[in-house]
Amino acid sequence: MSEKTTHFGFETVPEHEKAGRVQGVFGAVASKYDVMNDAMSLGIHRIWKEAMMDWLAPRAGQRLLDVAGGTGDIAFKFIERAGQADAVVCDITEPMLVEGRKRAEAAKLASSLDWVVGDAMALPFPDNSFDVYTISLGIRNVTRPQDALNEAYRVLRPGGRLMVLEFTQVPNELLQKAYDIYSFNVIPRLGQMIANDRDSYQYLVESIRRFPDQETFLGMVRKAGFENAKYRNLSMGIVALHSGWKI
């Protein structure tokens, strides 16, 4: 029986290898990850994350699970908007969580946050545990995104909300070409200059191109069981927000 394969950027790899290779990428860039996000997106990732919070409308008393949450960007914004909330940041790469914990302590938010090393496809949490599940610019790095969506449905309480922010396919062909030129020529060079790591950022650019388009991913959200599922394009479709409810 042949072994199942998946993609790691433009490379085809055995499924069991992908998680370790993704850990290698993010472990290597953890200390420079936030600086690189600003450089790669010209700071626009902050606007995308605020738009995510606008649609999510956090409320006091909610419990958030932020998967592939890395250094805690989304969890911090959620707590800030909610006023009083609890958040669990779950990531497969421990060095990213270490950086996030440092940021939380500096921001005096440590008491509202827990940091858990865990796999999006097999979350270490019981059923019906959270009010909100977010994953921001991370689901394309998961070996089997459908499994991650199924797990999101499992750990959310009835009435819970899923929201995914992810790079996707630009609907305008001319704009897509311009974006490709920028991505493949500029981003790996920035990775070399800022994080001394060209290869990790080459992978990140390639992984964006392999991710499903908005409608295909919407179908995956529905397949996981979510209702009232819809999406919004941001920055002309460079990224999209997908939302769904566990009813």
C-alpha atoms as a PDB file:
ATOM      1  CA  MET A   1       0.000   0.000   0.000  1.00  0.00           C
ATOM      2  CA  SER A   2       1.508   3.340  -1.010  1.00  0.00           C
ATOM      3  CA  GLU A   3       2.032   5.952   1.683  1.00  0.00           C
ATOM      4  CA  LYS A   4      -0.213   9.032   1.669  1.00  0.00           C
ATOM      5  CA  THR A   5       1.486  12.213   0.541  1.00  0.00           C
ATOM      6  CA  THR A   6       0.798  15.908   0.959  1.00  0.00           C
ATOM      7  CA  HIS A   7       2.450  19.127  -0.147  1.00  0.00           C
ATOM      8  CA  PHE A   8       5.117  21.115   1.652  1.00  0.00           C
ATOM      9  CA  GLY A   9       5.162  24.259  -0.424  1.00  0.00           C
ATOM     10  CA  PHE A  10       5.657  22.995  -3.997  1.00  0.00           C
ATOM     11  CA  GLU A  11       7.316  19.783  -2.781  1.00  0.00           C
ATOM     12  CA  THR A  12       5.422  16.496  -2.338  1.00  0.00           C
ATOM     13  CA  VAL A  13       6.249  14.800   0.973  1.00  0.00           C
ATOM     14  CA  PRO A  14       4.905  11.842   3.000  1.00  0.00           C
ATOM     15  CA  GLU A  15       2.053  13.016   5.262  1.00  0.00           C
ATOM     16  CA  HIS A  16       3.881  11.971   8.422  1.00  0.00           C
ATOM     17  CA  GLU A  17       6.779  14.338   7.601  1.00  0.00           C
ATOM     18  CA  LYS A  18       4.860  17.576   7.138  1.00  0.00           C
ATOM     19  CA  ALA A  19       4.205  18.513  10.777  1.00  0.00           C
ATOM     20  CA  GLY A  20       7.884  18.133  11.664  1.00  0.00           C
ATOM     21  CA  ARG A  21       8.949  20.228   8.702  1.00  0.00           C
ATOM     22  CA  VAL A  22       6.432  22.959   9.564  1.00  0.00           C
ATOM     23  CA  GLN A  23       7.763  22.928  13.143  1.00  0.00           C
ATOM     24  CA  GLY A  24      11.242  23.374  11.697  1.00  0.00           C
ATOM     25  CA  VAL A  25      10.146  26.411   9.683  1.00  0.00           C
ATOM     26  CA  PHE A  26       8.439  28.214  12.562  1.00  0.00           C
ATOM     27  CA  GLY A  27      10.961  27.153  15.182  1.00  0.00           C
ATOM     28  CA  ALA A  28      13.671  28.692  13.005  1.00  0.00           C
ATOM     29  CA  VAL A  29      11.903  32.047  12.595  1.00  0.00           C
ATOM     30  CA  ALA A  30      10.092  32.355  15.964  1.00  0.00           C
ATOM     31  CA  SER A  31      12.148  35.220  17.377  1.00  0.00           C
ATOM     32  CA  LYS A  32      11.737  37.278  14.175  1.00  0.00           C
ATOM     33  CA  TYR A  33       8.225  36.162  13.242  1.00  0.00           C
ATOM     34  CA  ASP A  34       6.366  39.337  14.248  1.00  0.00           C
ATOM     35  CA  VAL A  35       8.935  41.625  12.602  1.00  0.00           C
ATOM     36  CA  MET A  36       8.742  39.564   9.405  1.00  0.00           C
ATOM     37  CA  ASN A  37       4.918  39.704   9.364  1.00  0.00           C
ATOM     38  CA  ASP A  38       5.131  43.502   9.366  1.00  0.00           C
ATOM     39  CA  ALA A  39       7.788  43.520   6.636  1.00  0.00           C
ATOM     40  CA  MET A  40       6.083  40.966   4.362  1.00  0.00           C
ATOM     41  CA  SER A  41       2.640  42.550   4.458  1.00  0.00           C
ATOM     42  CA  LEU A  42       3.820  46.162   4.849  1.00  0.00           C
ATOM     43  CA  GLY A  43       1.975  46.114   8.185  1.00  0.00           C
ATOM     44  CA  ILE A  44      -1.356  45.252   6.528  1.00  0.00           C
ATOM     45  CA  HIS A  45      -1.675  41.978   8.513  1.00  0.00           C
ATOM     46  CA  ARG A  46      -2.616  44.181  11.483  1.00  0.00           C
ATOM     47  CA  ILE A  47      -5.565  45.621   9.522  1.00  0.00           C
ATOM     48  CA  TRP A  48      -6.655  42.086   8.514  1.00  0.00           C
ATOM     49  CA  LYS A  49      -6.604  40.974  12.148  1.00  0.00           C
ATOM     50  CA  GLU A  50      -8.618  44.016  13.243  1.00  0.00           C
ATOM     51  CA  ALA A  51     -11.175  43.214  10.507  1.00  0.00           C
ATOM     52  CA  MET A  52     -11.302  39.681  11.892  1.00  0.00           C
ATOM     53  CA  MET A  53     -12.070  41.066  15.359  1.00  0.00           C
ATOM     54  CA  ASP A  54     -14.706  43.435  13.944  1.00  0.00           C
ATOM     55  CA  TRP A  55     -16.609  40.503  12.432  1.00  0.00           C
ATOM     56  CA  LEU A  56     -16.025  38.290  15.455  1.00  0.00           C
ATOM     57  CA  ALA A  57     -17.232  40.955  17.942  1.00  0.00           C
ATOM     58  CA  PRO A  58     -15.705  39.409  21.122  1.00  0.00           C
ATOM     59  CA  ARG A  59     -17.858  39.581  24.247  1.00  0.00           C
ATOM     60  CA  ALA A  60     -16.946  39.569  27.921  1.00  0.00           C
ATOM     61  CA  GLY A  61     -16.840  36.119  29.481  1.00  0.00           C
ATOM     62  CA  GLN A  62     -16.136  34.206  26.272  1.00  0.00           C
ATOM     63  CA  ARG A  63     -13.503  31.483  26.111  1.00  0.00           C
ATOM     64  CA  LEU A  64     -11.313  31.548  23.018  1.00  0.00           C
ATOM     65  CA  LEU A  65      -9.162  28.833  21.480  1.00  0.00           C
ATOM     66  CA  ASP A  66      -6.650  30.288  19.033  1.00  0.00           C
ATOM     67  CA  VAL A  67      -5.017  27.453  17.095  1.00  0.00           C
ATOM     68  CA  ALA A  68      -1.664  27.918  15.350  1.00  0.00           C
ATOM     69  CA  GLY A  69      -1.727  30.995  17.572  1.00  0.00           C
ATOM     70  CA  GLY A  70       2.048  31.361  17.663  1.00  0.00           C
ATOM     71  CA  THR A  71       3.068  34.522  19.456  1.00  0.00           C
ATOM     72  CA  GLY A  72      -0.463  35.395  20.577  1.00  0.00           C
ATOM     73  CA  ASP A  73      -1.495  38.232  18.244  1.00  0.00           C
ATOM     74  CA  ILE A  74      -5.129  37.151  17.909  1.00  0.00           C
ATOM     75  CA  ALA A  75      -5.538  36.176  21.569  1.00  0.00           C
ATOM     76  CA  PHE A  76      -4.255  39.579  22.702  1.00  0.00           C
ATOM     77  CA  LYS A  77      -6.650  41.405  20.381  1.00  0.00           C
ATOM     78  CA  PHE A  78      -9.565  39.200  21.470  1.00  0.00           C
ATOM     79  CA  ILE A  79      -8.999  39.877  25.186  1.00  0.00           C
ATOM     80  CA  GLU A  80      -8.544  43.592  24.521  1.00  0.00           C
ATOM     81  CA  ARG A  81     -11.883  43.747  22.654  1.00  0.00           C
ATOM     82  CA  ALA A  82     -13.805  41.513  25.065  1.00  0.00           C
ATOM     83  CA  GLY A  83     -12.626  43.373  28.150  1.00  0.00           C
ATOM     84  CA  GLN A  84     -12.663  40.214  30.224  1.00  0.00           C
ATOM     85  CA  ALA A  85     -12.145  36.843  28.579  1.00  0.00           C
ATOM     86  CA  ASP A  86      -9.990  33.735  28.731  1.00  0.00           C
ATOM     87  CA  ALA A  87      -7.879  32.544  25.832  1.00  0.00           C
ATOM     88  CA  VAL A  88      -5.903  29.412  25.108  1.00  0.00           C
ATOM     89  CA  VAL A  89      -3.177  29.702  22.483  1.00  0.00           C
ATOM     90  CA  CYS A  90      -2.409  26.319  20.938  1.00  0.00           C
ATOM     91  CA  ASP A  91       0.498  25.774  18.560  1.00  0.00           C
ATOM     92  CA  ILE A  92       2.559  22.803  17.424  1.00  0.00           C
ATOM     93  CA  THR A  93       5.791  24.842  17.658  1.00  0.00           C
ATOM     94  CA  GLU A  94       6.911  25.475  21.223  1.00  0.00           C
ATOM     95  CA  PRO A  95       9.442  28.269  20.423  1.00  0.00           C
ATOM     96  CA  MET A  96       6.570  30.359  19.027  1.00  0.00           C
ATOM     97  CA  LEU A  97       4.616  29.929  22.276  1.00  0.00           C
ATOM     98  CA  VAL A  98       7.712  30.875  24.292  1.00  0.00           C
ATOM     99  CA  GLU A  99       7.914  34.159  22.368  1.00  0.00           C
ATOM    100  CA  GLY A 100       4.181  34.720  22.904  1.00  0.00           C
ATOM    101  CA  ARG A 101       4.439  34.104  26.644  1.00  0.00           C
ATOM    102  CA  LYS A 102       7.158  36.762  26.857  1.00  0.00           C
ATOM    103  CA  ARG A 103       4.891  39.219  25.061  1.00  0.00           C
ATOM    104  CA  ALA A 104       1.967  38.386  27.372  1.00  0.00           C
ATOM    105  CA  GLU A 105       4.068  39.014  30.467  1.00  0.00           C
ATOM    106  CA  ALA A 106       5.290  42.326  29.053  1.00  0.00           C
ATOM    107  CA  ALA A 107       1.677  43.333  28.301  1.00  0.00           C
ATOM    108  CA  LYS A 108       0.481  42.181  31.751  1.00  0.00           C
ATOM    109  CA  LEU A 109      -1.966  39.728  30.157  1.00  0.00           C
ATOM    110  CA  ALA A 110      -0.414  36.507  31.440  1.00  0.00           C
ATOM    111  CA  SER A 111      -3.275  35.745  33.864  1.00  0.00           C
ATOM    112  CA  SER A 112      -5.860  35.624  31.023  1.00  0.00           C
ATOM    113  CA  LEU A 113      -3.855  33.330  28.747  1.00  0.00           C
ATOM    114  CA  ASP A 114      -2.797  29.698  28.640  1.00  0.00           C
ATOM    115  CA  TRP A 115      -0.200  28.381  26.200  1.00  0.00           C
ATOM    116  CA  VAL A 116      -0.552  24.767  25.021  1.00  0.00           C
ATOM    117  CA  VAL A 117       1.609  22.760  22.638  1.00  0.00           C
ATOM    118  CA  GLY A 118      -0.847  20.811  20.488  1.00  0.00           C
ATOM    119  CA  ASP A 119      -1.745  19.566  17.020  1.00  0.00           C
ATOM    120  CA  ALA A 120      -4.666  21.226  15.181  1.00  0.00           C
ATOM    121  CA  MET A 121      -5.726  17.790  13.856  1.00  0.00           C
ATOM    122  CA  ALA A 122      -5.926  16.214  17.339  1.00  0.00           C
ATOM    123  CA  LEU A 123      -6.607  18.972  19.858  1.00  0.00           C
ATOM    124  CA  PRO A 124      -5.831  18.151  23.512  1.00  0.00           C
ATOM    125  CA  PHE A 125      -9.180  19.525  24.737  1.00  0.00           C
ATOM    126  CA  PRO A 126     -12.553  17.925  25.545  1.00  0.00           C
ATOM    127  CA  ASP A 127     -15.680  18.354  23.416  1.00  0.00           C
ATOM    128  CA  ASN A 128     -17.748  21.545  23.817  1.00  0.00           C
ATOM    129  CA  SER A 129     -14.986  23.493  25.613  1.00  0.00           C
ATOM    130  CA  PHE A 130     -14.821  26.878  23.844  1.00  0.00           C
ATOM    131  CA  ASP A 131     -17.111  29.689  22.681  1.00  0.00           C
ATOM    132  CA  VAL A 132     -14.850  30.827  19.849  1.00  0.00           C
ATOM    133  CA  TYR A 133     -12.231  29.076  17.695  1.00  0.00           C
ATOM    134  CA  THR A 134      -9.835  31.130  15.583  1.00  0.00           C
ATOM    135  CA  ILE A 135      -6.967  30.192  13.309  1.00  0.00           C
ATOM    136  CA  SER A 136      -5.105  33.033  11.627  1.00  0.00           C
ATOM    137  CA  LEU A 137      -2.691  32.496   8.714  1.00  0.00           C
ATOM    138  CA  GLY A 138      -2.110  28.973   9.979  1.00  0.00           C
ATOM    139  CA  ILE A 139      -4.523  26.441   8.526  1.00  0.00           C
ATOM    140  CA  ARG A 140      -2.599  26.158   5.261  1.00  0.00           C
ATOM    141  CA  ASN A 141       0.317  24.730   7.278  1.00  0.00           C
ATOM    142  CA  VAL A 142      -1.826  21.905   8.698  1.00  0.00           C
ATOM    143  CA  THR A 143      -1.272  18.526   7.000  1.00  0.00           C
ATOM    144  CA  ARG A 144      -5.015  17.831   6.627  1.00  0.00           C
ATOM    145  CA  PRO A 145      -7.021  21.078   6.939  1.00  0.00           C
ATOM    146  CA  GLN A 146     -10.344  19.198   6.903  1.00  0.00           C
ATOM    147  CA  ASP A 147      -9.286  17.329  10.054  1.00  0.00           C
ATOM    148  CA  ALA A 148      -8.491  20.671  11.715  1.00  0.00           C
ATOM    149  CA  LEU A 149     -11.963  22.013  10.842  1.00  0.00           C
ATOM    150  CA  ASN A 150     -13.574  18.825  12.174  1.00  0.00           C
ATOM    151  CA  GLU A 151     -11.659  19.285  15.437  1.00  0.00           C
ATOM    152  CA  ALA A 152     -12.731  22.926  15.616  1.00  0.00           C
ATOM    153  CA  TYR A 153     -16.358  21.781  15.429  1.00  0.00           C
ATOM    154  CA  ARG A 154     -15.773  19.157  18.144  1.00  0.00           C
ATOM    155  CA  VAL A 155     -14.231  21.504  20.735  1.00  0.00           C
ATOM    156  CA  LEU A 156     -16.723  24.349  20.208  1.00  0.00           C
ATOM    157  CA  ARG A 157     -19.827  24.558  22.383  1.00  0.00           C
ATOM    158  CA  PRO A 158     -23.241  24.668  20.678  1.00  0.00           C
ATOM    159  CA  GLY A 159     -23.645  28.290  19.576  1.00  0.00           C
ATOM    160  CA  GLY A 160     -19.863  28.556  19.165  1.00  0.00           C
ATOM    161  CA  ARG A 161     -18.175  30.446  16.342  1.00  0.00           C
ATOM    162  CA  LEU A 162     -15.372  29.483  13.972  1.00  0.00           C
ATOM    163  CA  MET A 163     -13.304  32.121  12.212  1.00  0.00           C
ATOM    164  CA  VAL A 164     -10.418  31.474   9.832  1.00  0.00           C
ATOM    165  CA  LEU A 165      -8.135  34.147   8.393  1.00  0.00           C
ATOM    166  CA  GLU A 166      -5.976  32.811   5.561  1.00  0.00           C
ATOM    167  CA  PHE A 167      -4.153  33.817   2.420  1.00  0.00           C
ATOM    168  CA  THR A 168      -6.154  32.659  -0.570  1.00  0.00           C
ATOM    169  CA  GLN A 169      -6.535  33.064  -4.333  1.00  0.00           C
ATOM    170  CA  VAL A 170      -6.814  36.570  -5.775  1.00  0.00           C
ATOM    171  CA  PRO A 171      -9.847  36.586  -8.116  1.00  0.00           C
ATOM    172  CA  ASN A 172      -8.272  39.147 -10.498  1.00  0.00           C
ATOM    173  CA  GLU A 173      -5.720  37.544 -12.854  1.00  0.00           C
ATOM    174  CA  LEU A 174      -3.627  40.700 -13.365  1.00  0.00           C
ATOM    175  CA  LEU A 175      -3.491  41.400  -9.642  1.00  0.00           C
ATOM    176  CA  GLN A 176      -2.571  37.753  -8.979  1.00  0.00           C
ATOM    177  CA  LYS A 177       0.400  38.070 -11.364  1.00  0.00           C
ATOM    178  CA  ALA A 178       1.624  41.249  -9.661  1.00  0.00           C
ATOM    179  CA  TYR A 179       1.205  39.585  -6.261  1.00  0.00           C
ATOM    180  CA  ASP A 180       3.159  36.528  -7.452  1.00  0.00           C
ATOM    181  CA  ILE A 181       6.048  38.707  -8.625  1.00  0.00           C
ATOM    182  CA  TYR A 182       6.158  40.410  -5.217  1.00  0.00           C
ATOM    183  CA  SER A 183       5.781  37.178  -3.247  1.00  0.00           C
ATOM    184  CA  PHE A 184       8.370  35.061  -5.024  1.00  0.00           C
ATOM    185  CA  ASN A 185      10.966  37.815  -5.485  1.00  0.00           C
ATOM    186  CA  VAL A 186      10.669  40.013  -2.414  1.00  0.00           C
ATOM    187  CA  ILE A 187       9.473  37.841   0.506  1.00  0.00           C
ATOM    188  CA  PRO A 188      12.288  35.220   0.467  1.00  0.00           C
ATOM    189  CA  ARG A 189      14.851  38.068   0.273  1.00  0.00           C
ATOM    190  CA  LEU A 190      13.225  39.785   3.252  1.00  0.00           C
ATOM    191  CA  GLY A 191      13.416  36.456   5.088  1.00  0.00           C
ATOM    192  CA  GLN A 192      17.148  36.308   4.371  1.00  0.00           C
ATOM    193  CA  MET A 193      17.720  39.907   5.483  1.00  0.00           C
ATOM    194  CA  ILE A 194      15.569  39.960   8.638  1.00  0.00           C
ATOM    195  CA  ALA A 195      15.473  36.358   9.877  1.00  0.00           C
ATOM    196  CA  ASN A 196      18.587  35.028   8.079  1.00  0.00           C
ATOM    197  CA  ASP A 197      16.316  32.323   6.658  1.00  0.00           C
ATOM    198  CA  ARG A 198      15.405  32.409   2.980  1.00  0.00           C
ATOM    199  CA  ASP A 199      14.146  28.804   2.752  1.00  0.00           C
ATOM    200  CA  SER A 200      11.430  29.137   5.414  1.00  0.00           C
ATOM    201  CA  TYR A 201       9.928  32.144   3.680  1.00  0.00           C
ATOM    202  CA  GLN A 202      10.180  30.469   0.268  1.00  0.00           C
ATOM    203  CA  TYR A 203       8.063  27.670   1.779  1.00  0.00           C
ATOM    204  CA  LEU A 204       5.521  30.156   3.177  1.00  0.00           C
ATOM    205  CA  VAL A 205       5.072  31.777  -0.251  1.00  0.00           C
ATOM    206  CA  GLU A 206       4.651  28.393  -1.927  1.00  0.00           C
ATOM    207  CA  SER A 207       2.193  27.192   0.736  1.00  0.00           C
ATOM    208  CA  ILE A 208      -0.104  30.133  -0.048  1.00  0.00           C
ATOM    209  CA  ARG A 209      -0.292  29.069  -3.707  1.00  0.00           C
ATOM    210  CA  ARG A 210      -1.284  25.525  -2.735  1.00  0.00           C
ATOM    211  CA  PHE A 211      -4.196  26.580  -0.518  1.00  0.00           C
ATOM    212  CA  PRO A 212      -7.775  26.088  -1.854  1.00  0.00           C
ATOM    213  CA  ASP A 213      -9.742  29.023  -3.237  1.00  0.00           C
ATOM    214  CA  GLN A 214     -12.451  30.715  -1.188  1.00  0.00           C
ATOM    215  CA  GLU A 215     -15.427  28.658  -2.434  1.00  0.00           C
ATOM    216  CA  THR A 216     -13.591  25.332  -2.061  1.00  0.00           C
ATOM    217  CA  PHE A 217     -12.576  26.177   1.488  1.00  0.00           C
ATOM    218  CA  LEU A 218     -16.141  27.310   2.274  1.00  0.00           C
ATOM    219  CA  GLY A 219     -17.268  23.824   1.247  1.00  0.00           C
ATOM    220  CA  MET A 220     -14.750  22.330   3.694  1.00  0.00           C
ATOM    221  CA  VAL A 221     -16.118  24.524   6.524  1.00  0.00           C
ATOM    222  CA  ARG A 222     -19.641  23.277   5.747  1.00  0.00           C
ATOM    223  CA  LYS A 223     -18.457  19.667   5.506  1.00  0.00           C
ATOM    224  CA  ALA A 224     -17.126  19.942   9.084  1.00  0.00           C
ATOM    225  CA  GLY A 225     -20.716  20.684  10.212  1.00  0.00           C
ATOM    226  CA  PHE A 226     -20.696  24.478  10.459  1.00  0.00           C
ATOM    227  CA  GLU A 227     -23.838  26.374   9.525  1.00  0.00           C
ATOM    228  CA  ASN A 228     -24.454  29.916   8.291  1.00  0.00           C
ATOM    229  CA  ALA A 229     -20.952  29.629   6.771  1.00  0.00           C
ATOM    230  CA  LYS A 230     -19.739  32.524   4.645  1.00  0.00           C
ATOM    231  CA  TYR A 231     -16.585  34.393   3.726  1.00  0.00           C
ATOM    232  CA  ARG A 232     -15.353  37.921   3.116  1.00  0.00           C
ATOM    233  CA  ASN A 233     -12.391  38.882   0.940  1.00  0.00           C
ATOM    234  CA  LEU A 234      -9.919  41.418   2.300  1.00  0.00           C
ATOM    235  CA  SER A 235      -7.349  43.386   0.258  1.00  0.00           C
ATOM    236  CA  MET A 236      -9.004  42.310  -3.020  1.00  0.00           C
ATOM    237  CA  GLY A 237      -8.820  38.634  -2.087  1.00  0.00           C
ATOM    238  CA  ILE A 238      -5.185  38.374  -1.005  1.00  0.00           C
ATOM    239  CA  VAL A 239      -6.676  37.013   2.221  1.00  0.00           C
ATOM    240  CA  ALA A 240     -10.175  35.888   3.180  1.00  0.00           C
ATOM    241  CA  LEU A 241     -12.104  35.486   6.411  1.00  0.00           C
ATOM    242  CA  HIS A 242     -14.281  32.369   6.680  1.00  0.00           C
ATOM    243  CA  SER A 243     -16.911  32.232   9.412  1.00  0.00           C
ATOM    244  CA  GLY A 244     -19.205  29.442  10.597  1.00  0.00           C
ATOM    245  CA  TRP A 245     -21.403  28.531  13.573  1.00  0.00           C
ATOM    246  CA  LYS A 246     -21.888  25.304  15.519  1.00  0.00           C
ATOM    247  CA  ILE A 247     -25.656  25.231  15.903  1.00  0.00           C
END
